[in-house]
Amino acid sequence: MPVKHDLLQDLGLTKDAVSKFRSENPHLNQLFVQYGEKDAEVVEAEANDAIGVPDDVLRTLKEQRLQIKDKIAQILSA
């Protein structure tokens, strides 16, 4: 069963720290929203794999999710 990707764990951040960063930076907040939406798309595509979601579609979704994650990490490291 597909599971959501744990961004906070990957970034080594707590919910409180992320909440603070998001409230201080509207662009960062929007990236977190986009990441959540893209992650949901990946989870749905993985769940529907049995009914024929092409591998290239799933790969593209994962690449897009990674690009958003990289942008978030870049902002947080600045």
PDB file of N, CA and C in Angstrom:
ATOM      1  N   MET A   1       0.843  -1.185   0.000  1.00  0.00           N
ATOM      2  CA  MET A   1       0.000   0.000   0.000  1.00  0.00           C
ATOM      3  C   MET A   1       0.887   1.246   0.000  1.00  0.00           C
ATOM      4  N   PRO A   2       0.656   2.170  -0.899  1.00  0.00           N
ATOM      5  CA  PRO A   2       1.456   3.400  -0.957  1.00  0.00           C
ATOM      6  C   PRO A   2       1.249   4.249   0.296  1.00  0.00           C
ATOM      7  N   VAL A   3       2.319   4.921   0.693  1.00  0.00           N
ATOM      8  CA  VAL A   3       2.240   5.806   1.857  1.00  0.00           C
ATOM      9  C   VAL A   3       2.777   7.178   1.485  1.00  0.00           C
ATOM     10  N   LYS A   4       2.293   8.181   2.215  1.00  0.00           N
ATOM     11  CA  LYS A   4       2.759   9.544   1.983  1.00  0.00           C
ATOM     12  C   LYS A   4       4.237   9.649   2.335  1.00  0.00           C
ATOM     13  N   HIS A   5       4.944  10.481   1.631  1.00  0.00           N
ATOM     14  CA  HIS A   5       6.356  10.712   1.846  1.00  0.00           C
ATOM     15  C   HIS A   5       6.519  11.689   3.006  1.00  0.00           C
ATOM     16  N   ASP A   6       7.355  11.352   3.991  1.00  0.00           N
ATOM     17  CA  ASP A   6       7.513  12.172   5.186  1.00  0.00           C
ATOM     18  C   ASP A   6       8.591  13.242   4.965  1.00  0.00           C
ATOM     19  N   LEU A   7       8.161  14.393   4.504  1.00  0.00           N
ATOM     20  CA  LEU A   7       9.075  15.486   4.192  1.00  0.00           C
ATOM     21  C   LEU A   7       9.801  15.992   5.435  1.00  0.00           C
ATOM     22  N   LEU A   8       9.100  16.114   6.537  1.00  0.00           N
ATOM     23  CA  LEU A   8       9.718  16.630   7.762  1.00  0.00           C
ATOM     24  C   LEU A   8      10.860  15.734   8.217  1.00  0.00           C
ATOM     25  N   GLN A   9      10.665  14.448   8.129  1.00  0.00           N
ATOM     26  CA  GLN A   9      11.721  13.508   8.509  1.00  0.00           C
ATOM     27  C   GLN A   9      12.908  13.646   7.564  1.00  0.00           C
ATOM     28  N   ASP A  10      12.648  13.743   6.276  1.00  0.00           N
ATOM     29  CA  ASP A  10      13.721  13.904   5.298  1.00  0.00           C
ATOM     30  C   ASP A  10      14.546  15.158   5.559  1.00  0.00           C
ATOM     31  N   LEU A  11      13.870  16.223   5.962  1.00  0.00           N
ATOM     32  CA  LEU A  11      14.549  17.494   6.196  1.00  0.00           C
ATOM     33  C   LEU A  11      15.100  17.603   7.620  1.00  0.00           C
ATOM     34  N   GLY A  12      14.750  16.653   8.471  1.00  0.00           N
ATOM     35  CA  GLY A  12      15.215  16.671   9.850  1.00  0.00           C
ATOM     36  C   GLY A  12      14.634  17.819  10.658  1.00  0.00           C
ATOM     37  N   LEU A  13      13.351  18.114  10.409  1.00  0.00           N
ATOM     38  CA  LEU A  13      12.693  19.239  11.076  1.00  0.00           C
ATOM     39  C   LEU A  13      11.488  18.773  11.885  1.00  0.00           C
ATOM     40  N   THR A  14      11.157  19.546  12.897  1.00  0.00           N
ATOM     41  CA  THR A  14       9.958  19.278  13.680  1.00  0.00           C
ATOM     42  C   THR A  14       8.784  20.040  13.079  1.00  0.00           C
ATOM     43  N   LYS A  15       7.587  19.647  13.461  1.00  0.00           N
ATOM     44  CA  LYS A  15       6.388  20.351  12.993  1.00  0.00           C
ATOM     45  C   LYS A  15       6.403  21.806  13.457  1.00  0.00           C
ATOM     46  N   ASP A  16       6.879  22.032  14.682  1.00  0.00           N
ATOM     47  CA  ASP A  16       6.930  23.400  15.212  1.00  0.00           C
ATOM     48  C   ASP A  16       7.877  24.279  14.399  1.00  0.00           C
ATOM     49  N   ALA A  17       9.043  23.745  14.065  1.00  0.00           N
ATOM     50  CA  ALA A  17      10.010  24.516  13.285  1.00  0.00           C
ATOM     51  C   ALA A  17       9.450  24.844  11.902  1.00  0.00           C
ATOM     52  N   VAL A  18       8.825  23.864  11.274  1.00  0.00           N
ATOM     53  CA  VAL A  18       8.257  24.075   9.943  1.00  0.00           C
ATOM     54  C   VAL A  18       7.128  25.092  10.006  1.00  0.00           C
ATOM     55  N   SER A  19       6.312  24.993  11.020  1.00  0.00           N
ATOM     56  CA  SER A  19       5.208  25.939  11.183  1.00  0.00           C
ATOM     57  C   SER A  19       5.742  27.364  11.286  1.00  0.00           C
ATOM     58  N   LYS A  20       6.809  27.538  12.045  1.00  0.00           N
ATOM     59  CA  LYS A  20       7.423  28.860  12.201  1.00  0.00           C
ATOM     60  C   LYS A  20       7.962  29.366  10.859  1.00  0.00           C
ATOM     61  N   PHE A  21       8.711  28.520  10.164  1.00  0.00           N
ATOM     62  CA  PHE A  21       9.276  28.915   8.868  1.00  0.00           C
ATOM     63  C   PHE A  21       8.177  29.269   7.873  1.00  0.00           C
ATOM     64  N   ARG A  22       7.116  28.463   7.859  1.00  0.00           N
ATOM     65  CA  ARG A  22       6.021  28.696   6.917  1.00  0.00           C
ATOM     66  C   ARG A  22       5.301  29.999   7.206  1.00  0.00           C
ATOM     67  N   SER A  23       5.137  30.325   8.482  1.00  0.00           N
ATOM     68  CA  SER A  23       4.438  31.560   8.832  1.00  0.00           C
ATOM     69  C   SER A  23       5.267  32.792   8.503  1.00  0.00           C
ATOM     70  N   GLU A  24       6.577  32.647   8.489  1.00  0.00           N
ATOM     71  CA  GLU A  24       7.476  33.774   8.214  1.00  0.00           C
ATOM     72  C   GLU A  24       7.761  33.965   6.728  1.00  0.00           C
ATOM     73  N   ASN A  25       7.481  32.943   5.912  1.00  0.00           N
ATOM     74  CA  ASN A  25       7.848  33.001   4.499  1.00  0.00           C
ATOM     75  C   ASN A  25       6.705  32.456   3.640  1.00  0.00           C
ATOM     76  N   PRO A  26       5.906  33.357   3.057  1.00  0.00           N
ATOM     77  CA  PRO A  26       4.763  32.913   2.239  1.00  0.00           C
ATOM     78  C   PRO A  26       5.173  32.023   1.053  1.00  0.00           C
ATOM     79  N   HIS A  27       6.332  32.308   0.444  1.00  0.00           N
ATOM     80  CA  HIS A  27       6.787  31.486  -0.684  1.00  0.00           C
ATOM     81  C   HIS A  27       7.095  30.065  -0.213  1.00  0.00           C
ATOM     82  N   LEU A  28       7.756  29.955   0.923  1.00  0.00           N
ATOM     83  CA  LEU A  28       8.055  28.640   1.489  1.00  0.00           C
ATOM     84  C   LEU A  28       6.763  27.910   1.831  1.00  0.00           C
ATOM     85  N   ASN A  29       5.814  28.625   2.386  1.00  0.00           N
ATOM     86  CA  ASN A  29       4.521  28.027   2.698  1.00  0.00           C
ATOM     87  C   ASN A  29       3.876  27.462   1.435  1.00  0.00           C
ATOM     88  N   GLN A  30       3.908  28.216   0.355  1.00  0.00           N
ATOM     89  CA  GLN A  30       3.318  27.763  -0.900  1.00  0.00           C
ATOM     90  C   GLN A  30       4.033  26.510  -1.421  1.00  0.00           C
ATOM     91  N   LEU A  31       5.347  26.456  -1.253  1.00  0.00           N
ATOM     92  CA  LEU A  31       6.086  25.267  -1.678  1.00  0.00           C
ATOM     93  C   LEU A  31       5.669  24.039  -0.870  1.00  0.00           C
ATOM     94  N   PHE A  32       5.442  24.223   0.427  1.00  0.00           N
ATOM     95  CA  PHE A  32       4.970  23.108   1.244  1.00  0.00           C
ATOM     96  C   PHE A  32       3.594  22.648   0.777  1.00  0.00           C
ATOM     97  N   VAL A  33       2.737  23.578   0.415  1.00  0.00           N
ATOM     98  CA  VAL A  33       1.407  23.226  -0.113  1.00  0.00           C
ATOM     99  C   VAL A  33       1.559  22.445  -1.415  1.00  0.00           C
ATOM    100  N   GLN A  34       2.407  22.943  -2.305  1.00  0.00           N
ATOM    101  CA  GLN A  34       2.640  22.266  -3.582  1.00  0.00           C
ATOM    102  C   GLN A  34       3.212  20.863  -3.361  1.00  0.00           C
ATOM    103  N   TYR A  35       4.128  20.753  -2.403  1.00  0.00           N
ATOM    104  CA  TYR A  35       4.720  19.453  -2.111  1.00  0.00           C
ATOM    105  C   TYR A  35       3.637  18.472  -1.651  1.00  0.00           C
ATOM    106  N   GLY A  36       2.777  18.920  -0.750  1.00  0.00           N
ATOM    107  CA  GLY A  36       1.703  18.053  -0.265  1.00  0.00           C
ATOM    108  C   GLY A  36       0.781  17.601  -1.386  1.00  0.00           C
ATOM    109  N   GLU A  37       0.462  18.521  -2.289  1.00  0.00           N
ATOM    110  CA  GLU A  37      -0.398  18.174  -3.427  1.00  0.00           C
ATOM    111  C   GLU A  37       0.288  17.174  -4.347  1.00  0.00           C
ATOM    112  N   LYS A  38       1.567  17.415  -4.626  1.00  0.00           N
ATOM    113  CA  LYS A  38       2.304  16.515  -5.524  1.00  0.00           C
ATOM    114  C   LYS A  38       2.486  15.148  -4.878  1.00  0.00           C
ATOM    115  N   ASP A  39       2.740  15.116  -3.569  1.00  0.00           N
ATOM    116  CA  ASP A  39       2.891  13.850  -2.865  1.00  0.00           C
ATOM    117  C   ASP A  39       1.592  13.054  -2.929  1.00  0.00           C
ATOM    118  N   ALA A  40       0.464  13.741  -2.787  1.00  0.00           N
ATOM    119  CA  ALA A  40      -0.833  13.069  -2.889  1.00  0.00           C
ATOM    120  C   ALA A  40      -1.026  12.474  -4.288  1.00  0.00           C
ATOM    121  N   GLU A  41      -0.572  13.180  -5.304  1.00  0.00           N
ATOM    122  CA  GLU A  41      -0.660  12.665  -6.674  1.00  0.00           C
ATOM    123  C   GLU A  41       0.187  11.406  -6.834  1.00  0.00           C
ATOM    124  N   VAL A  42       1.382  11.419  -6.254  1.00  0.00           N
ATOM    125  CA  VAL A  42       2.261  10.251  -6.332  1.00  0.00           C
ATOM    126  C   VAL A  42       1.617   9.065  -5.634  1.00  0.00           C
ATOM    127  N   VAL A  43       1.096   9.280  -4.436  1.00  0.00           N
ATOM    128  CA  VAL A  43       0.462   8.208  -3.675  1.00  0.00           C
ATOM    129  C   VAL A  43      -0.722   7.639  -4.462  1.00  0.00           C
ATOM    130  N   GLU A  44      -1.515   8.507  -5.053  1.00  0.00           N
ATOM    131  CA  GLU A  44      -2.658   8.040  -5.846  1.00  0.00           C
ATOM    132  C   GLU A  44      -2.196   7.255  -7.068  1.00  0.00           C
ATOM    133  N   ALA A  45      -1.162   7.740  -7.734  1.00  0.00           N
ATOM    134  CA  ALA A  45      -0.650   7.039  -8.910  1.00  0.00           C
ATOM    135  C   ALA A  45      -0.086   5.676  -8.524  1.00  0.00           C
ATOM    136  N   GLU A  46       0.593   5.600  -7.391  1.00  0.00           N
ATOM    137  CA  GLU A  46       1.124   4.316  -6.929  1.00  0.00           C
ATOM    138  C   GLU A  46      -0.015   3.365  -6.577  1.00  0.00           C
ATOM    139  N   ALA A  47      -1.073   3.894  -5.977  1.00  0.00           N
ATOM    140  CA  ALA A  47      -2.220   3.062  -5.616  1.00  0.00           C
ATOM    141  C   ALA A  47      -2.921   2.552  -6.872  1.00  0.00           C
ATOM    142  N   ASN A  48      -2.897   3.337  -7.916  1.00  0.00           N
ATOM    143  CA  ASN A  48      -3.564   2.959  -9.160  1.00  0.00           C
ATOM    144  C   ASN A  48      -2.642   2.225 -10.122  1.00  0.00           C
ATOM    145  N   ASP A  49      -1.442   1.909  -9.675  1.00  0.00           N
ATOM    146  CA  ASP A  49      -0.465   1.235 -10.531  1.00  0.00           C
ATOM    147  C   ASP A  49      -1.039  -0.048 -11.130  1.00  0.00           C
ATOM    148  N   ALA A  50      -1.811  -0.738 -10.349  1.00  0.00           N
ATOM    149  CA  ALA A  50      -2.373  -1.997 -10.826  1.00  0.00           C
ATOM    150  C   ALA A  50      -3.359  -1.801 -11.969  1.00  0.00           C
ATOM    151  N   ILE A  51      -3.920  -0.590 -12.078  1.00  0.00           N
ATOM    152  CA  ILE A  51      -4.890  -0.377 -13.162  1.00  0.00           C
ATOM    153  C   ILE A  51      -4.274   0.368 -14.338  1.00  0.00           C
ATOM    154  N   GLY A  52      -2.959   0.484 -14.343  1.00  0.00           N
ATOM    155  CA  GLY A  52      -2.302   0.951 -15.541  1.00  0.00           C
ATOM    156  C   GLY A  52      -1.757   2.359 -15.559  1.00  0.00           C
ATOM    157  N   VAL A  53      -1.301   2.891 -14.444  1.00  0.00           N
ATOM    158  CA  VAL A  53      -0.608   4.183 -14.491  1.00  0.00           C
ATOM    159  C   VAL A  53       0.777   3.908 -15.060  1.00  0.00           C
ATOM    160  N   PRO A  54       1.095   4.494 -16.195  1.00  0.00           N
ATOM    161  CA  PRO A  54       2.390   4.220 -16.828  1.00  0.00           C
ATOM    162  C   PRO A  54       3.573   4.620 -15.941  1.00  0.00           C
ATOM    163  N   ASP A  55       4.645   3.850 -16.039  1.00  0.00           N
ATOM    164  CA  ASP A  55       5.849   4.121 -15.252  1.00  0.00           C
ATOM    165  C   ASP A  55       6.394   5.515 -15.503  1.00  0.00           C
ATOM    166  N   ASP A  56       6.334   5.976 -16.754  1.00  0.00           N
ATOM    167  CA  ASP A  56       6.878   7.301 -17.055  1.00  0.00           C
ATOM    168  C   ASP A  56       6.074   8.409 -16.388  1.00  0.00           C
ATOM    169  N   VAL A  57       4.772   8.213 -16.233  1.00  0.00           N
ATOM    170  CA  VAL A  57       3.928   9.193 -15.543  1.00  0.00           C
ATOM    171  C   VAL A  57       4.300   9.236 -14.064  1.00  0.00           C
ATOM    172  N   LEU A  58       4.446   8.063 -13.464  1.00  0.00           N
ATOM    173  CA  LEU A  58       4.823   7.992 -12.058  1.00  0.00           C
ATOM    174  C   LEU A  58       6.211   8.593 -11.838  1.00  0.00           C
ATOM    175  N   ARG A  59       7.135   8.296 -12.707  1.00  0.00           N
ATOM    176  CA  ARG A  59       8.491   8.845 -12.609  1.00  0.00           C
ATOM    177  C   ARG A  59       8.472  10.375 -12.709  1.00  0.00           C
ATOM    178  N   THR A  60       7.675  10.913 -13.612  1.00  0.00           N
ATOM    179  CA  THR A  60       7.568  12.367 -13.771  1.00  0.00           C
ATOM    180  C   THR A  60       7.005  13.007 -12.511  1.00  0.00           C
ATOM    181  N   LEU A  61       5.974  12.398 -11.933  1.00  0.00           N
ATOM    182  CA  LEU A  61       5.395  12.930 -10.701  1.00  0.00           C
ATOM    183  C   LEU A  61       6.420  12.934  -9.573  1.00  0.00           C
ATOM    184  N   LYS A  62       7.181  11.856  -9.459  1.00  0.00           N
ATOM    185  CA  LYS A  62       8.204  11.777  -8.414  1.00  0.00           C
ATOM    186  C   LYS A  62       9.310  12.803  -8.641  1.00  0.00           C
ATOM    187  N   GLU A  63       9.681  13.028  -9.880  1.00  0.00           N
ATOM    188  CA  GLU A  63      10.699  14.044 -10.191  1.00  0.00           C
ATOM    189  C   GLU A  63      10.195  15.435  -9.834  1.00  0.00           C
ATOM    190  N   GLN A  64       8.937  15.707 -10.125  1.00  0.00           N
ATOM    191  CA  GLN A  64       8.355  17.007  -9.784  1.00  0.00           C
ATOM    192  C   GLN A  64       8.322  17.195  -8.275  1.00  0.00           C
ATOM    193  N   ARG A  65       7.961  16.140  -7.551  1.00  0.00           N
ATOM    194  CA  ARG A  65       7.937  16.206  -6.086  1.00  0.00           C
ATOM    195  C   ARG A  65       9.341  16.481  -5.546  1.00  0.00           C
ATOM    196  N   LEU A  66      10.338  15.829  -6.124  1.00  0.00           N
ATOM    197  CA  LEU A  66      11.729  16.030  -5.703  1.00  0.00           C
ATOM    198  C   LEU A  66      12.199  17.455  -5.987  1.00  0.00           C
ATOM    199  N   GLN A  67      11.799  18.014  -7.107  1.00  0.00           N
ATOM    200  CA  GLN A  67      12.178  19.397  -7.424  1.00  0.00           C
ATOM    201  C   GLN A  67      11.607  20.365  -6.394  1.00  0.00           C
ATOM    202  N   ILE A  68      10.381  20.142  -5.975  1.00  0.00           N
ATOM    203  CA  ILE A  68       9.771  20.998  -4.954  1.00  0.00           C
ATOM    204  C   ILE A  68      10.518  20.830  -3.632  1.00  0.00           C
ATOM    205  N   LYS A  69      10.822  19.589  -3.288  1.00  0.00           N
ATOM    206  CA  LYS A  69      11.567  19.316  -2.051  1.00  0.00           C
ATOM    207  C   LYS A  69      12.923  20.014  -2.078  1.00  0.00           C
ATOM    208  N   ASP A  70      13.598  19.970  -3.209  1.00  0.00           N
ATOM    209  CA  ASP A  70      14.904  20.630  -3.333  1.00  0.00           C
ATOM    210  C   ASP A  70      14.785  22.140  -3.132  1.00  0.00           C
ATOM    211  N   LYS A  71      13.724  22.739  -3.657  1.00  0.00           N
ATOM    212  CA  LYS A  71      13.513  24.170  -3.474  1.00  0.00           C
ATOM    213  C   LYS A  71      13.294  24.493  -1.998  1.00  0.00           C
ATOM    214  N   ILE A  72      12.521  23.655  -1.327  1.00  0.00           N
ATOM    215  CA  ILE A  72      12.271  23.854   0.106  1.00  0.00           C
ATOM    216  C   ILE A  72      13.588  23.754   0.870  1.00  0.00           C
ATOM    217  N   ALA A  73      14.351  22.717   0.593  1.00  0.00           N
ATOM    218  CA  ALA A  73      15.632  22.514   1.291  1.00  0.00           C
ATOM    219  C   ALA A  73      16.585  23.684   1.035  1.00  0.00           C
ATOM    220  N   GLN A  74      16.590  24.188  -0.178  1.00  0.00           N
ATOM    221  CA  GLN A  74      17.460  25.312  -0.519  1.00  0.00           C
ATOM    222  C   GLN A  74      17.085  26.559   0.287  1.00  0.00           C
ATOM    223  N   ILE A  75      15.798  26.846   0.394  1.00  0.00           N
ATOM    224  CA  ILE A  75      15.352  28.003   1.161  1.00  0.00           C
ATOM    225  C   ILE A  75      15.701  27.836   2.633  1.00  0.00           C
ATOM    226  N   LEU A  76      15.492  26.645   3.163  1.00  0.00           N
ATOM    227  CA  LEU A  76      15.743  26.404   4.580  1.00  0.00           C
ATOM    228  C   LEU A  76      17.227  26.445   4.913  1.00  0.00           C
ATOM    229  N   SER A  77      18.079  26.132   3.944  1.00  0.00           N
ATOM    230  CA  SER A  77      19.517  26.140   4.214  1.00  0.00           C
ATOM    231  C   SER A  77      20.139  27.521   4.047  1.00  0.00           C
ATOM    232  N   ALA A  78      19.379  28.454   3.497  1.00  0.00           N
ATOM    233  CA  ALA A  78      19.913  29.801   3.254  1.00  0.00           C
ATOM    234  C   ALA A  78      19.984  30.607   4.552  1.00  0.00           C
TER     235      ALA A  78
END
